[in-house]
Amino acid sequence: MKFPMKVAMAFGLGLSLAAVAPTSIAALQQGAKAPDFTLTAAQGGKEFSLSLKQTLRGGPVVLYFFPAAFTPGCTVEAHLFAESNSRFNQLGARVIGVTAGNIDRVAEFSRSECRDKFAVAADPGAKVAAKYDATMQRPDGTMLSNRTSYVIAPNGTILLSYTDNKPQAHVEKTMAAVRAWNAKRR
């Protein structure tokens, strides 16, 4: 769906979301080692320090990067992950969202749009997103996370790498990767 320029600007989309990498391609590929990070995150509006390495101790991680809190596509994606969170947990996986926003906005987003179901981390300047080759640049030069999802095994190996500006397939693809990982362990 294309938005007229004024509508896109009103939603904070600008033209930058149209300049996302081609669908189904992410720079860090299956089999690569996931870069470790520690970021300030929030779940249910409560801030805490989130470490990927520590989270992986509990099982696989579904790590999804998104451009900006409270934009239409990012809100849809957060709702979809929130609705599927209990199924991910039943499979032993934890969902983490990451965006280049500030912690106050991320904390509010974790409460309202993520429905208190999973952690969302603030990545000012998209520095962690850059380590995952999951960035895009707005016309004003600001770096944002692009819409890229990863499934990371407890040993830090990337099991799935998926980039698509449309949020709908991210839950389906990551869920399938977690199920496949579980099936191989049996």
N, C-alpha and C. Protein backbone atom coordinates (compact mmCIF):
# COMPACT_ATOMS: atom_id res chain seq x y z
N MET A 1 0.84 -1.16 0.00
CA MET A 1 0.00 0.00 0.00
C MET A 1 0.89 1.23 0.00
N LYS A 2 0.67 2.14 -0.92
CA LYS A 2 1.47 3.34 -1.00
C LYS A 2 0.74 4.47 -0.29
N PHE A 3 1.52 5.26 0.45
CA PHE A 3 0.98 6.41 1.15
C PHE A 3 1.37 7.67 0.41
N PRO A 4 0.44 8.63 0.28
CA PRO A 4 0.85 9.92 -0.25
C PRO A 4 1.89 10.52 0.69
N MET A 5 2.75 11.39 0.19
CA MET A 5 3.85 11.97 0.96
C MET A 5 3.35 12.58 2.27
N LYS A 6 2.27 13.35 2.27
CA LYS A 6 1.78 13.98 3.50
C LYS A 6 1.32 12.94 4.52
N VAL A 7 0.66 11.88 4.06
CA VAL A 7 0.21 10.83 4.97
C VAL A 7 1.43 10.10 5.54
N ALA A 8 2.39 9.78 4.71
CA ALA A 8 3.59 9.10 5.16
C ALA A 8 4.33 9.94 6.20
N MET A 9 4.44 11.23 5.97
CA MET A 9 5.13 12.11 6.92
C MET A 9 4.34 12.19 8.23
N ALA A 10 3.01 12.22 8.14
CA ALA A 10 2.18 12.29 9.34
C ALA A 10 2.38 11.06 10.21
N PHE A 11 2.63 9.91 9.60
CA PHE A 11 2.86 8.69 10.35
C PHE A 11 4.33 8.52 10.70
N GLY A 12 5.16 9.49 10.34
CA GLY A 12 6.57 9.40 10.65
C GLY A 12 7.32 8.44 9.75
N LEU A 13 6.72 8.09 8.63
CA LEU A 13 7.35 7.13 7.74
C LEU A 13 8.36 7.78 6.82
N GLY A 14 8.13 9.01 6.44
CA GLY A 14 8.99 9.66 5.47
C GLY A 14 9.14 8.79 4.25
N LEU A 15 10.19 8.98 3.55
CA LEU A 15 10.46 8.13 2.39
C LEU A 15 11.41 7.00 2.74
N SER A 16 11.96 7.03 3.95
CA SER A 16 13.00 6.07 4.30
C SER A 16 12.51 4.64 4.33
N LEU A 17 11.28 4.38 4.72
CA LEU A 17 10.83 3.00 4.78
C LEU A 17 10.67 2.39 3.40
N ALA A 18 10.57 3.21 2.38
CA ALA A 18 10.49 2.69 1.03
C ALA A 18 11.85 2.27 0.52
N ALA A 19 12.91 2.69 1.21
CA ALA A 19 14.26 2.40 0.76
C ALA A 19 14.88 1.22 1.50
N VAL A 20 14.06 0.29 1.92
CA VAL A 20 14.53 -0.87 2.66
C VAL A 20 15.15 -1.88 1.70
N ALA A 21 16.02 -2.70 2.23
CA ALA A 21 16.67 -3.74 1.42
C ALA A 21 15.62 -4.64 0.77
N PRO A 22 15.99 -5.32 -0.30
CA PRO A 22 15.04 -6.20 -0.98
C PRO A 22 14.48 -7.24 -0.03
N THR A 23 13.28 -7.74 -0.33
CA THR A 23 12.64 -8.71 0.55
C THR A 23 13.42 -10.01 0.60
N SER A 24 13.30 -10.69 1.73
CA SER A 24 13.87 -12.01 1.98
C SER A 24 15.39 -12.05 2.00
N ILE A 25 16.07 -10.91 2.12
CA ILE A 25 17.52 -10.90 2.15
C ILE A 25 17.97 -10.13 3.40
N ALA A 26 18.82 -10.74 4.19
CA ALA A 26 19.44 -10.07 5.32
C ALA A 26 20.94 -10.33 5.23
N ALA A 27 21.74 -9.41 5.68
CA ALA A 27 23.18 -9.52 5.49
C ALA A 27 23.81 -10.64 6.32
N LEU A 28 23.46 -10.78 7.59
CA LEU A 28 24.01 -11.89 8.37
C LEU A 28 23.19 -13.13 8.04
N GLN A 29 23.83 -14.11 7.53
CA GLN A 29 23.13 -15.28 7.02
C GLN A 29 23.14 -16.44 8.00
N GLN A 30 22.33 -17.43 7.70
CA GLN A 30 22.26 -18.66 8.48
C GLN A 30 23.66 -19.24 8.63
N GLY A 31 23.98 -19.66 9.85
CA GLY A 31 25.29 -20.25 10.13
C GLY A 31 26.29 -19.26 10.69
N ALA A 32 26.07 -17.96 10.51
CA ALA A 32 26.97 -16.94 11.06
C ALA A 32 26.80 -16.86 12.56
N LYS A 33 27.78 -16.31 13.25
CA LYS A 33 27.68 -16.08 14.69
C LYS A 33 26.99 -14.74 14.92
N ALA A 34 26.03 -14.74 15.81
CA ALA A 34 25.29 -13.52 16.15
C ALA A 34 26.16 -12.65 17.06
N PRO A 35 26.32 -11.38 16.73
CA PRO A 35 27.08 -10.49 17.61
C PRO A 35 26.37 -10.33 18.96
N ASP A 36 27.14 -10.42 20.03
CA ASP A 36 26.58 -10.24 21.37
C ASP A 36 26.33 -8.75 21.60
N PHE A 37 25.39 -8.45 22.48
CA PHE A 37 25.11 -7.05 22.84
C PHE A 37 24.42 -7.00 24.18
N THR A 38 24.49 -5.84 24.78
CA THR A 38 23.72 -5.52 25.98
C THR A 38 23.10 -4.16 25.74
N LEU A 39 21.78 -4.07 25.87
CA LEU A 39 21.04 -2.83 25.65
C LEU A 39 20.06 -2.59 26.80
N THR A 40 19.64 -1.35 26.95
CA THR A 40 18.56 -1.05 27.88
C THR A 40 17.26 -1.43 27.18
N ALA A 41 16.46 -2.22 27.88
CA ALA A 41 15.21 -2.73 27.31
C ALA A 41 14.08 -2.45 28.28
N ALA A 42 12.87 -2.76 27.82
CA ALA A 42 11.69 -2.64 28.67
C ALA A 42 10.74 -3.77 28.33
N GLN A 43 10.05 -4.23 29.34
CA GLN A 43 8.95 -5.18 29.15
C GLN A 43 7.86 -4.74 30.12
N GLY A 44 6.67 -4.55 29.60
CA GLY A 44 5.60 -4.05 30.44
C GLY A 44 5.89 -2.67 30.98
N GLY A 45 6.72 -1.91 30.26
CA GLY A 45 7.07 -0.57 30.68
C GLY A 45 8.19 -0.49 31.70
N LYS A 46 8.68 -1.64 32.18
CA LYS A 46 9.74 -1.66 33.19
C LYS A 46 11.10 -1.83 32.52
N GLU A 47 12.00 -0.91 32.80
CA GLU A 47 13.34 -0.93 32.20
C GLU A 47 14.26 -1.94 32.88
N PHE A 48 15.17 -2.51 32.07
CA PHE A 48 16.19 -3.41 32.60
C PHE A 48 17.30 -3.54 31.57
N SER A 49 18.41 -4.11 31.96
CA SER A 49 19.53 -4.34 31.07
C SER A 49 19.35 -5.72 30.43
N LEU A 50 19.35 -5.76 29.12
CA LEU A 50 19.13 -7.01 28.38
C LEU A 50 20.42 -7.42 27.69
N SER A 51 20.87 -8.63 27.99
CA SER A 51 22.07 -9.20 27.39
C SER A 51 21.66 -10.36 26.48
N LEU A 52 22.09 -10.34 25.23
CA LEU A 52 21.78 -11.45 24.34
C LEU A 52 22.38 -12.74 24.88
N LYS A 53 23.64 -12.69 25.28
CA LYS A 53 24.32 -13.88 25.78
C LYS A 53 23.55 -14.51 26.95
N GLN A 54 23.10 -13.69 27.87
CA GLN A 54 22.35 -14.19 29.02
C GLN A 54 21.00 -14.76 28.59
N THR A 55 20.32 -14.09 27.67
CA THR A 55 19.00 -14.55 27.21
C THR A 55 19.13 -15.89 26.49
N LEU A 56 20.20 -16.08 25.73
CA LEU A 56 20.42 -17.34 25.01
C LEU A 56 20.60 -18.53 25.95
N ARG A 57 20.95 -18.30 27.19
CA ARG A 57 21.10 -19.39 28.16
C ARG A 57 19.77 -20.10 28.39
N GLY A 58 18.66 -19.39 28.12
CA GLY A 58 17.34 -19.98 28.31
C GLY A 58 16.77 -20.66 27.09
N GLY A 59 17.49 -20.63 25.97
CA GLY A 59 17.00 -21.24 24.74
C GLY A 59 17.17 -20.29 23.57
N PRO A 60 16.63 -20.66 22.41
CA PRO A 60 16.79 -19.81 21.23
C PRO A 60 16.11 -18.45 21.40
N VAL A 61 16.61 -17.48 20.67
CA VAL A 61 16.07 -16.12 20.71
C VAL A 61 15.58 -15.74 19.33
N VAL A 62 14.37 -15.19 19.29
CA VAL A 62 13.84 -14.56 18.08
C VAL A 62 14.13 -13.08 18.26
N LEU A 63 15.09 -12.58 17.50
CA LEU A 63 15.52 -11.19 17.57
C LEU A 63 15.00 -10.47 16.34
N TYR A 64 14.10 -9.51 16.57
CA TYR A 64 13.59 -8.79 15.41
C TYR A 64 13.85 -7.30 15.54
N PHE A 65 14.40 -6.75 14.47
CA PHE A 65 14.67 -5.32 14.37
C PHE A 65 13.50 -4.67 13.63
N PHE A 66 13.11 -3.48 14.08
CA PHE A 66 12.03 -2.75 13.42
C PHE A 66 12.38 -1.27 13.38
N PRO A 67 11.87 -0.54 12.37
CA PRO A 67 12.28 0.85 12.15
C PRO A 67 11.93 1.83 13.27
N ALA A 68 10.68 1.88 13.69
CA ALA A 68 10.30 2.93 14.65
C ALA A 68 9.03 2.56 15.40
N ALA A 69 9.06 2.74 16.70
CA ALA A 69 7.89 2.48 17.53
C ALA A 69 6.74 3.39 17.11
N PHE A 70 5.55 2.85 17.20
CA PHE A 70 4.30 3.56 16.95
C PHE A 70 4.08 3.97 15.49
N THR A 71 4.78 3.34 14.56
CA THR A 71 4.46 3.53 13.14
C THR A 71 3.56 2.36 12.74
N PRO A 72 2.77 2.51 11.69
CA PRO A 72 1.78 1.47 11.36
C PRO A 72 2.34 0.06 11.22
N GLY A 73 3.37 -0.13 10.41
CA GLY A 73 3.92 -1.47 10.20
C GLY A 73 4.55 -2.05 11.45
N CYS A 74 5.22 -1.22 12.21
CA CYS A 74 5.88 -1.69 13.44
C CYS A 74 4.86 -2.06 14.51
N THR A 75 3.76 -1.34 14.54
CA THR A 75 2.68 -1.66 15.47
C THR A 75 2.05 -3.00 15.10
N VAL A 76 1.80 -3.21 13.81
CA VAL A 76 1.24 -4.49 13.35
C VAL A 76 2.18 -5.63 13.73
N GLU A 77 3.47 -5.45 13.47
CA GLU A 77 4.44 -6.50 13.77
C GLU A 77 4.49 -6.79 15.27
N ALA A 78 4.47 -5.76 16.10
CA ALA A 78 4.48 -5.95 17.56
C ALA A 78 3.24 -6.73 18.01
N HIS A 79 2.09 -6.38 17.44
CA HIS A 79 0.86 -7.11 17.79
C HIS A 79 0.97 -8.58 17.40
N LEU A 80 1.51 -8.85 16.21
CA LEU A 80 1.64 -10.24 15.74
C LEU A 80 2.58 -11.03 16.64
N PHE A 81 3.72 -10.44 17.01
CA PHE A 81 4.63 -11.14 17.91
C PHE A 81 4.01 -11.32 19.29
N ALA A 82 3.27 -10.33 19.78
CA ALA A 82 2.61 -10.45 21.08
C ALA A 82 1.58 -11.59 21.07
N GLU A 83 0.81 -11.69 20.00
CA GLU A 83 -0.20 -12.74 19.88
C GLU A 83 0.43 -14.13 19.82
N SER A 84 1.66 -14.22 19.31
CA SER A 84 2.34 -15.51 19.15
C SER A 84 3.34 -15.80 20.25
N ASN A 85 3.53 -14.87 21.17
CA ASN A 85 4.57 -15.02 22.18
C ASN A 85 4.44 -16.30 23.01
N SER A 86 3.24 -16.66 23.41
CA SER A 86 3.09 -17.87 24.23
C SER A 86 3.49 -19.12 23.45
N ARG A 87 3.23 -19.14 22.15
CA ARG A 87 3.67 -20.30 21.33
C ARG A 87 5.19 -20.35 21.24
N PHE A 88 5.84 -19.18 21.08
CA PHE A 88 7.30 -19.15 21.09
C PHE A 88 7.82 -19.67 22.42
N ASN A 89 7.23 -19.20 23.51
CA ASN A 89 7.67 -19.64 24.85
C ASN A 89 7.48 -21.14 25.02
N GLN A 90 6.38 -21.71 24.53
CA GLN A 90 6.15 -23.15 24.62
C GLN A 90 7.23 -23.93 23.87
N LEU A 91 7.80 -23.32 22.84
CA LEU A 91 8.88 -23.95 22.07
C LEU A 91 10.25 -23.66 22.68
N GLY A 92 10.26 -22.94 23.80
CA GLY A 92 11.51 -22.63 24.49
C GLY A 92 12.21 -21.39 24.00
N ALA A 93 11.58 -20.61 23.14
CA ALA A 93 12.21 -19.42 22.56
C ALA A 93 11.72 -18.15 23.24
N ARG A 94 12.56 -17.13 23.21
CA ARG A 94 12.22 -15.81 23.73
C ARG A 94 12.28 -14.80 22.59
N VAL A 95 11.31 -13.91 22.56
CA VAL A 95 11.24 -12.85 21.54
C VAL A 95 11.84 -11.58 22.13
N ILE A 96 12.66 -10.91 21.31
CA ILE A 96 13.22 -9.61 21.67
C ILE A 96 13.07 -8.70 20.45
N GLY A 97 12.45 -7.54 20.65
CA GLY A 97 12.38 -6.52 19.60
C GLY A 97 13.46 -5.48 19.84
N VAL A 98 14.02 -4.93 18.78
CA VAL A 98 15.05 -3.89 18.89
C VAL A 98 14.75 -2.79 17.88
N THR A 99 14.83 -1.55 18.34
CA THR A 99 14.65 -0.41 17.45
C THR A 99 15.59 0.72 17.85
N ALA A 100 15.83 1.61 16.93
CA ALA A 100 16.77 2.72 17.16
C ALA A 100 16.12 3.88 17.91
N GLY A 101 15.18 3.59 18.78
CA GLY A 101 14.51 4.64 19.53
C GLY A 101 15.12 4.84 20.91
N ASN A 102 14.55 5.79 21.65
CA ASN A 102 15.01 6.03 23.02
C ASN A 102 14.21 5.15 23.98
N ILE A 103 14.74 4.94 25.18
CA ILE A 103 14.14 3.99 26.11
C ILE A 103 12.75 4.42 26.58
N ASP A 104 12.50 5.71 26.73
CA ASP A 104 11.17 6.14 27.16
C ASP A 104 10.11 5.74 26.15
N ARG A 105 10.38 5.95 24.89
CA ARG A 105 9.43 5.58 23.84
C ARG A 105 9.30 4.06 23.74
N VAL A 106 10.42 3.37 23.86
CA VAL A 106 10.42 1.91 23.80
C VAL A 106 9.63 1.32 24.98
N ALA A 107 9.79 1.90 26.16
CA ALA A 107 9.05 1.41 27.33
C ALA A 107 7.55 1.56 27.12
N GLU A 108 7.13 2.69 26.58
CA GLU A 108 5.71 2.90 26.29
C GLU A 108 5.22 1.90 25.23
N PHE A 109 6.04 1.68 24.19
CA PHE A 109 5.71 0.73 23.13
C PHE A 109 5.59 -0.69 23.68
N SER A 110 6.47 -1.05 24.63
CA SER A 110 6.43 -2.40 25.21
C SER A 110 5.13 -2.65 25.96
N ARG A 111 4.63 -1.60 26.57
CA ARG A 111 3.37 -1.71 27.32
C ARG A 111 2.18 -1.78 26.39
N SER A 112 2.07 -0.81 25.48
CA SER A 112 0.85 -0.70 24.69
C SER A 112 0.82 -1.63 23.48
N GLU A 113 1.86 -1.64 22.68
CA GLU A 113 1.82 -2.39 21.41
C GLU A 113 2.35 -3.81 21.54
N CYS A 114 3.32 -4.03 22.42
CA CYS A 114 3.84 -5.39 22.65
C CYS A 114 3.04 -6.09 23.73
N ARG A 115 2.11 -5.37 24.30
CA ARG A 115 1.15 -5.90 25.27
C ARG A 115 1.81 -6.62 26.44
N ASP A 116 2.96 -6.09 26.88
CA ASP A 116 3.70 -6.62 28.03
C ASP A 116 4.22 -8.04 27.82
N LYS A 117 4.21 -8.54 26.59
CA LYS A 117 4.51 -9.95 26.33
C LYS A 117 5.99 -10.26 26.15
N PHE A 118 6.76 -9.30 25.65
CA PHE A 118 8.18 -9.56 25.38
C PHE A 118 8.98 -8.28 25.51
N ALA A 119 10.29 -8.44 25.61
CA ALA A 119 11.20 -7.31 25.79
C ALA A 119 11.42 -6.57 24.48
N VAL A 120 11.54 -5.25 24.61
CA VAL A 120 11.89 -4.39 23.47
C VAL A 120 13.07 -3.54 23.91
N ALA A 121 14.13 -3.54 23.11
CA ALA A 121 15.35 -2.82 23.48
C ALA A 121 15.53 -1.56 22.64
N ALA A 122 16.07 -0.54 23.30
CA ALA A 122 16.40 0.72 22.63
C ALA A 122 17.84 0.63 22.12
N ASP A 123 18.02 0.96 20.86
CA ASP A 123 19.33 0.90 20.20
C ASP A 123 19.63 2.26 19.60
N PRO A 124 19.93 3.27 20.45
CA PRO A 124 20.18 4.62 19.93
C PRO A 124 21.28 4.62 18.87
N GLY A 125 20.98 5.27 17.75
CA GLY A 125 21.94 5.32 16.65
C GLY A 125 22.03 4.04 15.85
N ALA A 126 21.20 3.05 16.16
CA ALA A 126 21.16 1.76 15.45
C ALA A 126 22.52 1.06 15.43
N LYS A 127 23.28 1.19 16.52
CA LYS A 127 24.63 0.60 16.58
C LYS A 127 24.59 -0.93 16.59
N VAL A 128 23.68 -1.51 17.35
CA VAL A 128 23.56 -2.98 17.35
C VAL A 128 22.99 -3.44 16.02
N ALA A 129 21.99 -2.73 15.52
CA ALA A 129 21.43 -3.08 14.20
C ALA A 129 22.52 -3.09 13.14
N ALA A 130 23.47 -2.17 13.22
CA ALA A 130 24.57 -2.13 12.25
C ALA A 130 25.43 -3.38 12.34
N LYS A 131 25.65 -3.91 13.55
CA LYS A 131 26.42 -5.15 13.71
C LYS A 131 25.72 -6.32 13.04
N TYR A 132 24.39 -6.22 12.96
CA TYR A 132 23.59 -7.27 12.32
C TYR A 132 23.27 -6.95 10.86
N ASP A 133 23.87 -5.88 10.34
CA ASP A 133 23.60 -5.42 8.97
C ASP A 133 22.10 -5.27 8.75
N ALA A 134 21.44 -4.67 9.73
CA ALA A 134 19.99 -4.49 9.71
C ALA A 134 19.65 -3.01 9.86
N THR A 135 20.23 -2.19 8.99
CA THR A 135 19.98 -0.75 9.08
C THR A 135 19.55 -0.17 7.74
N MET A 136 18.96 1.00 7.85
CA MET A 136 18.64 1.81 6.67
C MET A 136 18.81 3.26 7.09
N GLN A 137 19.02 4.11 6.11
CA GLN A 137 19.26 5.51 6.39
C GLN A 137 18.10 6.35 5.89
N ARG A 138 17.61 7.23 6.75
CA ARG A 138 16.56 8.16 6.35
C ARG A 138 17.18 9.26 5.50
N PRO A 139 16.36 9.97 4.74
CA PRO A 139 16.89 11.07 3.92
C PRO A 139 17.66 12.12 4.73
N ASP A 140 17.33 12.29 6.01
CA ASP A 140 18.04 13.28 6.83
C ASP A 140 19.36 12.72 7.40
N GLY A 141 19.71 11.47 7.04
CA GLY A 141 20.95 10.86 7.49
C GLY A 141 20.83 10.03 8.75
N THR A 142 19.69 10.07 9.42
CA THR A 142 19.46 9.29 10.62
C THR A 142 19.43 7.80 10.29
N MET A 143 20.13 7.01 11.09
CA MET A 143 20.13 5.56 10.89
C MET A 143 18.98 4.95 11.69
N LEU A 144 18.27 4.02 11.04
CA LEU A 144 17.19 3.27 11.67
C LEU A 144 17.45 1.78 11.48
N SER A 145 16.78 0.99 12.29
CA SER A 145 16.78 -0.46 12.07
C SER A 145 15.86 -0.72 10.89
N ASN A 146 16.22 -1.67 10.04
CA ASN A 146 15.24 -2.10 9.03
C ASN A 146 14.46 -3.28 9.62
N ARG A 147 13.49 -3.76 8.89
CA ARG A 147 12.65 -4.85 9.38
C ARG A 147 13.32 -6.18 9.05
N THR A 148 14.14 -6.65 9.98
CA THR A 148 14.88 -7.90 9.83
C THR A 148 14.69 -8.75 11.07
N SER A 149 14.42 -10.02 10.87
CA SER A 149 14.26 -10.96 11.98
C SER A 149 15.31 -12.05 11.89
N TYR A 150 15.80 -12.43 13.07
CA TYR A 150 16.76 -13.51 13.19
C TYR A 150 16.24 -14.52 14.21
N VAL A 151 16.56 -15.78 14.01
CA VAL A 151 16.41 -16.78 15.05
C VAL A 151 17.83 -17.23 15.37
N ILE A 152 18.16 -17.17 16.65
CA ILE A 152 19.52 -17.46 17.10
C ILE A 152 19.48 -18.65 18.07
N ALA A 153 20.29 -19.67 17.78
CA ALA A 153 20.39 -20.84 18.64
C ALA A 153 21.12 -20.48 19.93
N PRO A 154 20.94 -21.26 20.99
CA PRO A 154 21.61 -20.96 22.25
C PRO A 154 23.14 -20.85 22.15
N ASN A 155 23.75 -21.49 21.17
CA ASN A 155 25.20 -21.38 20.99
C ASN A 155 25.60 -20.13 20.21
N GLY A 156 24.64 -19.28 19.85
CA GLY A 156 24.94 -18.03 19.14
C GLY A 156 24.92 -18.14 17.64
N THR A 157 24.59 -19.28 17.10
CA THR A 157 24.54 -19.46 15.64
C THR A 157 23.20 -18.97 15.09
N ILE A 158 23.25 -18.24 14.01
CA ILE A 158 22.02 -17.75 13.38
C ILE A 158 21.38 -18.90 12.61
N LEU A 159 20.13 -19.19 12.97
CA LEU A 159 19.36 -20.26 12.33
C LEU A 159 18.51 -19.72 11.18
N LEU A 160 18.10 -18.45 11.28
CA LEU A 160 17.27 -17.82 10.26
C LEU A 160 17.62 -16.35 10.19
N SER A 161 17.64 -15.85 8.98
CA SER A 161 17.86 -14.43 8.71
C SER A 161 16.82 -14.04 7.67
N TYR A 162 15.97 -13.07 8.01
CA TYR A 162 14.86 -12.73 7.11
C TYR A 162 14.60 -11.22 7.13
N THR A 163 14.65 -10.61 5.97
CA THR A 163 14.36 -9.18 5.83
C THR A 163 13.20 -9.00 4.87
N ASP A 164 12.20 -8.25 5.31
CA ASP A 164 11.06 -7.92 4.46
C ASP A 164 10.36 -6.74 5.13
N ASN A 165 10.09 -5.69 4.38
CA ASN A 165 9.46 -4.50 4.94
C ASN A 165 8.02 -4.78 5.39
N LYS A 166 7.40 -5.81 4.83
CA LYS A 166 6.04 -6.18 5.24
C LYS A 166 6.13 -7.02 6.51
N PRO A 167 5.44 -6.61 7.57
CA PRO A 167 5.60 -7.31 8.86
C PRO A 167 4.94 -8.68 8.96
N GLN A 168 3.99 -8.99 8.14
CA GLN A 168 3.15 -10.17 8.34
C GLN A 168 3.91 -11.50 8.35
N ALA A 169 4.91 -11.70 7.52
CA ALA A 169 5.56 -13.00 7.41
C ALA A 169 6.62 -13.26 8.49
N HIS A 170 7.01 -12.24 9.23
CA HIS A 170 8.10 -12.41 10.20
C HIS A 170 7.78 -13.44 11.28
N VAL A 171 6.59 -13.41 11.83
CA VAL A 171 6.23 -14.38 12.87
C VAL A 171 6.21 -15.78 12.29
N GLU A 172 5.59 -15.95 11.14
CA GLU A 172 5.50 -17.26 10.50
C GLU A 172 6.88 -17.85 10.23
N LYS A 173 7.78 -17.06 9.66
CA LYS A 173 9.12 -17.54 9.31
C LYS A 173 9.93 -17.87 10.56
N THR A 174 9.87 -17.01 11.57
CA THR A 174 10.66 -17.26 12.78
C THR A 174 10.10 -18.46 13.55
N MET A 175 8.79 -18.59 13.59
CA MET A 175 8.17 -19.74 14.27
C MET A 175 8.60 -21.05 13.60
N ALA A 176 8.60 -21.07 12.27
CA ALA A 176 9.02 -22.27 11.54
C ALA A 176 10.48 -22.61 11.84
N ALA A 177 11.33 -21.62 11.94
CA ALA A 177 12.75 -21.86 12.24
C ALA A 177 12.93 -22.41 13.65
N VAL A 178 12.18 -21.90 14.61
CA VAL A 178 12.26 -22.41 15.98
C VAL A 178 11.75 -23.86 16.03
N ARG A 179 10.66 -24.13 15.33
CA ARG A 179 10.14 -25.52 15.29
C ARG A 179 11.17 -26.46 14.66
N ALA A 180 11.79 -26.04 13.57
CA ALA A 180 12.80 -26.88 12.91
C ALA A 180 13.98 -27.13 13.84
N TRP A 181 14.42 -26.14 14.58
CA TRP A 181 15.51 -26.30 15.53
C TRP A 181 15.12 -27.32 16.60
N ASN A 182 13.91 -27.19 17.12
CA ASN A 182 13.43 -28.15 18.13
C ASN A 182 13.37 -29.56 17.57
N ALA A 183 12.89 -29.72 16.34
CA ALA A 183 12.78 -31.05 15.72
C ALA A 183 14.15 -31.71 15.55
N LYS A 184 15.18 -30.94 15.24
CA LYS A 184 16.53 -31.49 15.07
C LYS A 184 17.12 -31.96 16.39
N ARG A 185 16.68 -31.38 17.48
CA ARG A 185 17.20 -31.75 18.79
C ARG A 185 16.62 -33.05 19.31
N ARG A 186 15.54 -33.51 18.73
CA ARG A 186 14.87 -34.73 19.23
C ARG A 186 15.46 -35.97 18.66
